[in-house]
Protein backbone atom coordinates (compact mmCIF):
# COMPACT_ATOMS: atom_id res chain seq x y z
CA UNK A 1 -46.65 54.82 22.70
CA UNK A 2 -45.93 55.83 19.10
CA UNK A 3 -48.95 55.97 16.82
CA UNK A 4 -48.92 55.54 13.06
CA UNK A 5 -49.55 58.64 10.99
CA UNK A 6 -52.72 57.07 9.57
CA UNK A 7 -54.01 56.55 13.14
CA UNK A 8 -53.21 60.15 14.08
CA UNK A 9 -55.02 61.33 10.93
CA UNK A 10 -58.10 59.30 11.91
CA UNK A 11 -58.11 60.84 15.41
CA UNK A 12 -57.73 64.31 13.89
CA UNK A 13 -60.59 63.68 11.46
CA UNK A 14 -62.85 62.50 14.32
CA UNK A 15 -62.03 65.58 16.40
CA UNK A 16 -62.65 67.84 13.40
CA UNK A 17 -66.02 66.15 12.71
CA UNK A 18 -67.04 66.49 16.37
CA UNK A 19 -66.29 70.22 16.40
CA UNK A 20 -68.12 70.64 13.08
CA UNK A 21 -71.26 69.19 14.74
CA UNK A 22 -70.90 71.89 17.38
CA UNK A 23 -70.66 74.54 14.67
CA UNK A 24 -66.98 75.10 15.32
CA UNK A 25 -64.07 74.90 12.94
CA UNK A 26 -61.02 72.99 14.08
CA UNK A 27 -58.03 73.55 11.80
CA UNK A 28 -56.24 70.21 11.54
CA UNK A 29 -53.33 69.43 9.27
CA UNK A 30 -53.26 65.97 7.70
CA UNK A 31 -49.94 64.17 8.11
CA UNK A 32 -48.30 62.76 5.01
CA UNK A 33 -47.86 58.98 5.17
CA UNK A 34 -44.39 57.54 5.52
CA UNK A 35 -43.07 56.04 2.31
CA UNK A 36 -40.50 53.82 3.97
CA UNK A 37 -39.66 50.22 3.15
CA UNK A 38 -41.24 48.15 5.96
CA UNK A 39 -39.20 45.88 8.18
CA UNK A 40 -39.58 42.12 7.94
CA UNK A 41 -38.11 38.98 9.45
CA UNK A 42 -36.46 36.31 7.33
CA UNK A 43 -37.16 32.57 7.43
CA UNK A 44 -34.38 31.95 9.94
CA UNK A 45 -35.85 34.57 12.30
CA UNK A 46 -39.29 32.95 12.10
CA UNK A 47 -37.86 29.51 12.91
CA UNK A 48 -35.94 30.93 15.88
CA UNK A 49 -39.04 32.65 17.27
CA UNK A 50 -41.15 29.50 17.01
CA UNK A 51 -38.34 27.42 18.56
CA UNK A 52 -38.23 29.78 21.56
CA UNK A 53 -41.89 29.10 22.43
CA UNK A 54 -42.50 26.25 24.87
CA UNK A 55 -46.11 27.16 25.73
CA UNK A 56 -48.49 25.36 23.32
CA UNK A 57 -51.14 28.10 23.52
CA UNK A 58 -48.63 30.83 22.70
CA UNK A 59 -47.21 28.74 19.86
CA UNK A 60 -50.71 28.17 18.46
CA UNK A 61 -51.43 31.90 18.66
CA UNK A 62 -48.25 33.05 16.94
CA UNK A 63 -48.37 30.31 14.29
CA UNK A 64 -51.97 31.33 13.56
CA UNK A 65 -50.91 34.99 13.25
CA UNK A 66 -48.05 34.07 10.91
CA UNK A 67 -49.64 31.40 8.71
CA UNK A 68 -53.05 33.08 8.44
CA UNK A 69 -51.48 36.57 8.08
CA UNK A 70 -53.63 37.94 10.89
CA UNK A 71 -53.68 41.32 12.55
CA UNK A 72 -53.64 41.22 16.37
CA UNK A 73 -57.29 42.33 16.57
CA UNK A 74 -58.30 39.51 14.18
CA UNK A 75 -56.55 36.93 16.35
CA UNK A 76 -58.10 38.15 19.60
CA UNK A 77 -61.62 38.16 18.16
CA UNK A 78 -61.52 34.53 16.95
CA UNK A 79 -64.09 32.12 18.37
CA UNK A 80 -64.06 28.32 18.34
CA UNK A 81 -66.57 28.15 15.48
CA UNK A 82 -64.37 30.34 13.26
CA UNK A 83 -61.83 27.54 12.95
CA UNK A 84 -62.26 24.86 10.25
CA UNK A 85 -59.29 22.52 10.43
CA UNK A 86 -60.63 20.20 7.73
CA UNK A 87 -60.63 22.93 5.09
CA UNK A 88 -57.54 24.65 6.59
CA UNK A 89 -59.43 27.93 6.97
CA UNK A 90 -60.29 30.53 9.58
CA UNK A 91 -63.28 32.83 9.29
CA UNK A 92 -62.37 36.44 10.01
CA UNK A 93 -65.40 38.25 11.43
CA UNK A 94 -63.82 41.51 12.56
CA UNK A 95 -61.11 42.40 10.07
CA UNK A 96 -59.80 45.83 9.19
CA UNK A 97 -62.65 48.23 8.51
CA UNK A 98 -65.14 45.69 9.85
CA UNK A 99 -64.61 43.43 6.83
CA UNK A 100 -65.18 39.69 7.00
CA UNK A 101 -63.08 37.16 5.14
CA UNK A 102 -61.45 33.76 5.01
CA UNK A 103 -57.84 33.14 6.00
CA UNK A 104 -55.93 30.01 5.05
CA UNK A 105 -53.65 28.11 7.42
CA UNK A 106 -50.71 25.79 6.84
CA UNK A 107 -50.87 22.09 7.88
CA UNK A 108 -48.06 22.77 10.40
CA UNK A 109 -50.30 25.34 12.06
CA UNK A 110 -53.21 22.86 12.00
CA UNK A 111 -51.02 20.31 13.81
CA UNK A 112 -50.24 22.83 16.56
CA UNK A 113 -53.86 23.95 16.82
CA UNK A 114 -54.99 20.34 17.24
CA UNK A 115 -52.54 19.93 20.14
CA UNK A 116 -53.80 23.14 21.70
CA UNK A 117 -57.49 22.23 21.25
CA UNK A 118 -56.91 18.80 22.82
CA UNK A 119 -55.96 20.45 26.13
CA UNK A 120 -58.07 23.62 25.93
CA UNK A 121 -61.21 23.76 28.10
CA UNK A 122 -64.14 25.50 26.41
CA UNK A 123 -64.82 28.82 28.10
CA UNK A 124 -67.75 31.14 27.43
CA UNK A 125 -67.15 34.89 27.64
CA UNK A 126 -69.99 37.33 26.93
CA UNK A 127 -71.99 34.59 25.20
CA UNK A 128 -69.08 33.60 22.92
CA UNK A 129 -66.48 30.84 23.02
CA UNK A 130 -63.12 32.47 22.26
CA UNK A 131 -60.48 30.37 20.56
CA UNK A 132 -57.79 31.98 22.71
CA UNK A 133 -58.24 33.35 26.20
CA UNK A 134 -55.96 34.30 29.08
CA UNK A 135 -55.22 32.25 32.20
CA UNK A 136 -57.76 34.40 34.07
CA UNK A 137 -60.55 33.58 31.60
CA UNK A 138 -60.63 36.79 29.58
CA UNK A 139 -60.10 37.53 25.91
CA UNK A 140 -56.59 38.53 25.00
CA UNK A 141 -56.03 42.21 24.25
CA UNK A 142 -53.98 43.27 21.22
CA UNK A 143 -51.36 44.86 23.45
CA UNK A 144 -50.99 41.64 25.46
CA UNK A 145 -50.38 39.59 22.31
CA UNK A 146 -47.84 42.17 21.12
CA UNK A 147 -45.98 42.02 24.43
CA UNK A 148 -46.00 38.23 24.29
CA UNK A 149 -44.48 38.33 20.79
CA UNK A 150 -41.78 40.79 21.93
CA UNK A 151 -40.88 38.45 24.78
CA UNK A 152 -40.33 35.51 22.43
CA UNK A 153 -38.46 37.68 19.95
CA UNK A 154 -36.08 38.60 22.76
CA UNK A 155 -35.74 34.94 23.83
CA UNK A 156 -34.86 34.10 20.23
CA UNK A 157 -32.07 36.72 20.38
CA UNK A 158 -33.53 38.74 17.52
CA UNK A 159 -32.66 42.40 17.95
CA UNK A 160 -33.83 43.76 14.60
CA UNK A 161 -36.85 46.10 14.53
CA UNK A 162 -40.24 44.60 13.85
CA UNK A 163 -43.52 44.22 15.70
CA UNK A 164 -46.19 41.53 15.78
CA UNK A 165 -47.76 43.23 12.74
CA UNK A 166 -44.47 42.90 10.85
CA UNK A 167 -44.30 39.23 11.88
CA UNK A 168 -47.83 38.38 10.79
CA UNK A 169 -48.21 40.61 7.71
CA UNK A 170 -45.00 41.99 6.20
CA UNK A 171 -42.86 38.90 6.83
CA UNK A 172 -45.10 36.26 5.18
CA UNK A 173 -45.67 38.58 2.21
CA UNK A 174 -41.92 39.14 1.79
CA UNK A 175 -41.17 35.42 2.07
CA UNK A 176 -43.88 34.61 -0.50
CA UNK A 177 -42.51 37.22 -2.93
CA UNK A 178 -39.00 35.83 -2.45
CA UNK A 179 -40.31 32.38 -3.36
CA UNK A 180 -42.04 33.56 -6.53
CA UNK A 181 -45.62 34.20 -5.41
CA UNK A 182 -47.45 36.79 -7.52
CA UNK A 183 -48.70 40.04 -6.02
CA UNK A 184 -52.41 39.33 -6.71
CA UNK A 185 -52.28 36.07 -4.77
CA UNK A 186 -50.55 37.84 -1.89
CA UNK A 187 -53.24 40.56 -1.98
CA UNK A 188 -55.93 37.90 -1.61
CA UNK A 189 -54.10 36.01 1.14
CA UNK A 190 -53.60 39.21 3.14
CA UNK A 191 -57.22 40.21 2.43
CA UNK A 192 -56.31 43.64 1.07
CA UNK A 193 -58.87 45.61 -0.92
CA UNK A 194 -56.22 46.41 -3.53
CA UNK A 195 -52.62 45.49 -4.31
CA UNK A 196 -51.21 48.66 -2.76
CA UNK A 197 -53.05 48.65 0.62
């Protein structure tokens, strides 16, 4: 598994802090971040991916990721009460850095979520009612959602690079920019602390 440089830097910092508590010095070199243009899917790719999904739960999950610009961990931590279909919003309780926020969803996503909710039994796991859970009654893991996305990407015959994160974050931002959306609005929709995060 390849880890991002920022993730490796966080692990290194934690190891360095641990050794400092023991009175030891651990020389760790910080990795410079990549300054590469991120990958993204175009509108046609997104349509093909959604068209390849025949499972209503999987469609609801990936539409929610795309239209609400969610990270995988944000999707998997959603509970029933976080969803407000009347106001077209989702409450994010466990965002990046532990931040909370509000994500907005498209009416098309609301339509799919209503279909999903109509057939979804309510299940309680660890005192919570997750919006999405597996067929064995457990919360989805980020890696499981990523593998599911890769499967549908392959079914859609899309060979270009790009992960679930690219699908849910980079792609909507790129499509919005292409259609004239300003950078400050995109910052708010993606729930970034600043315009360059």
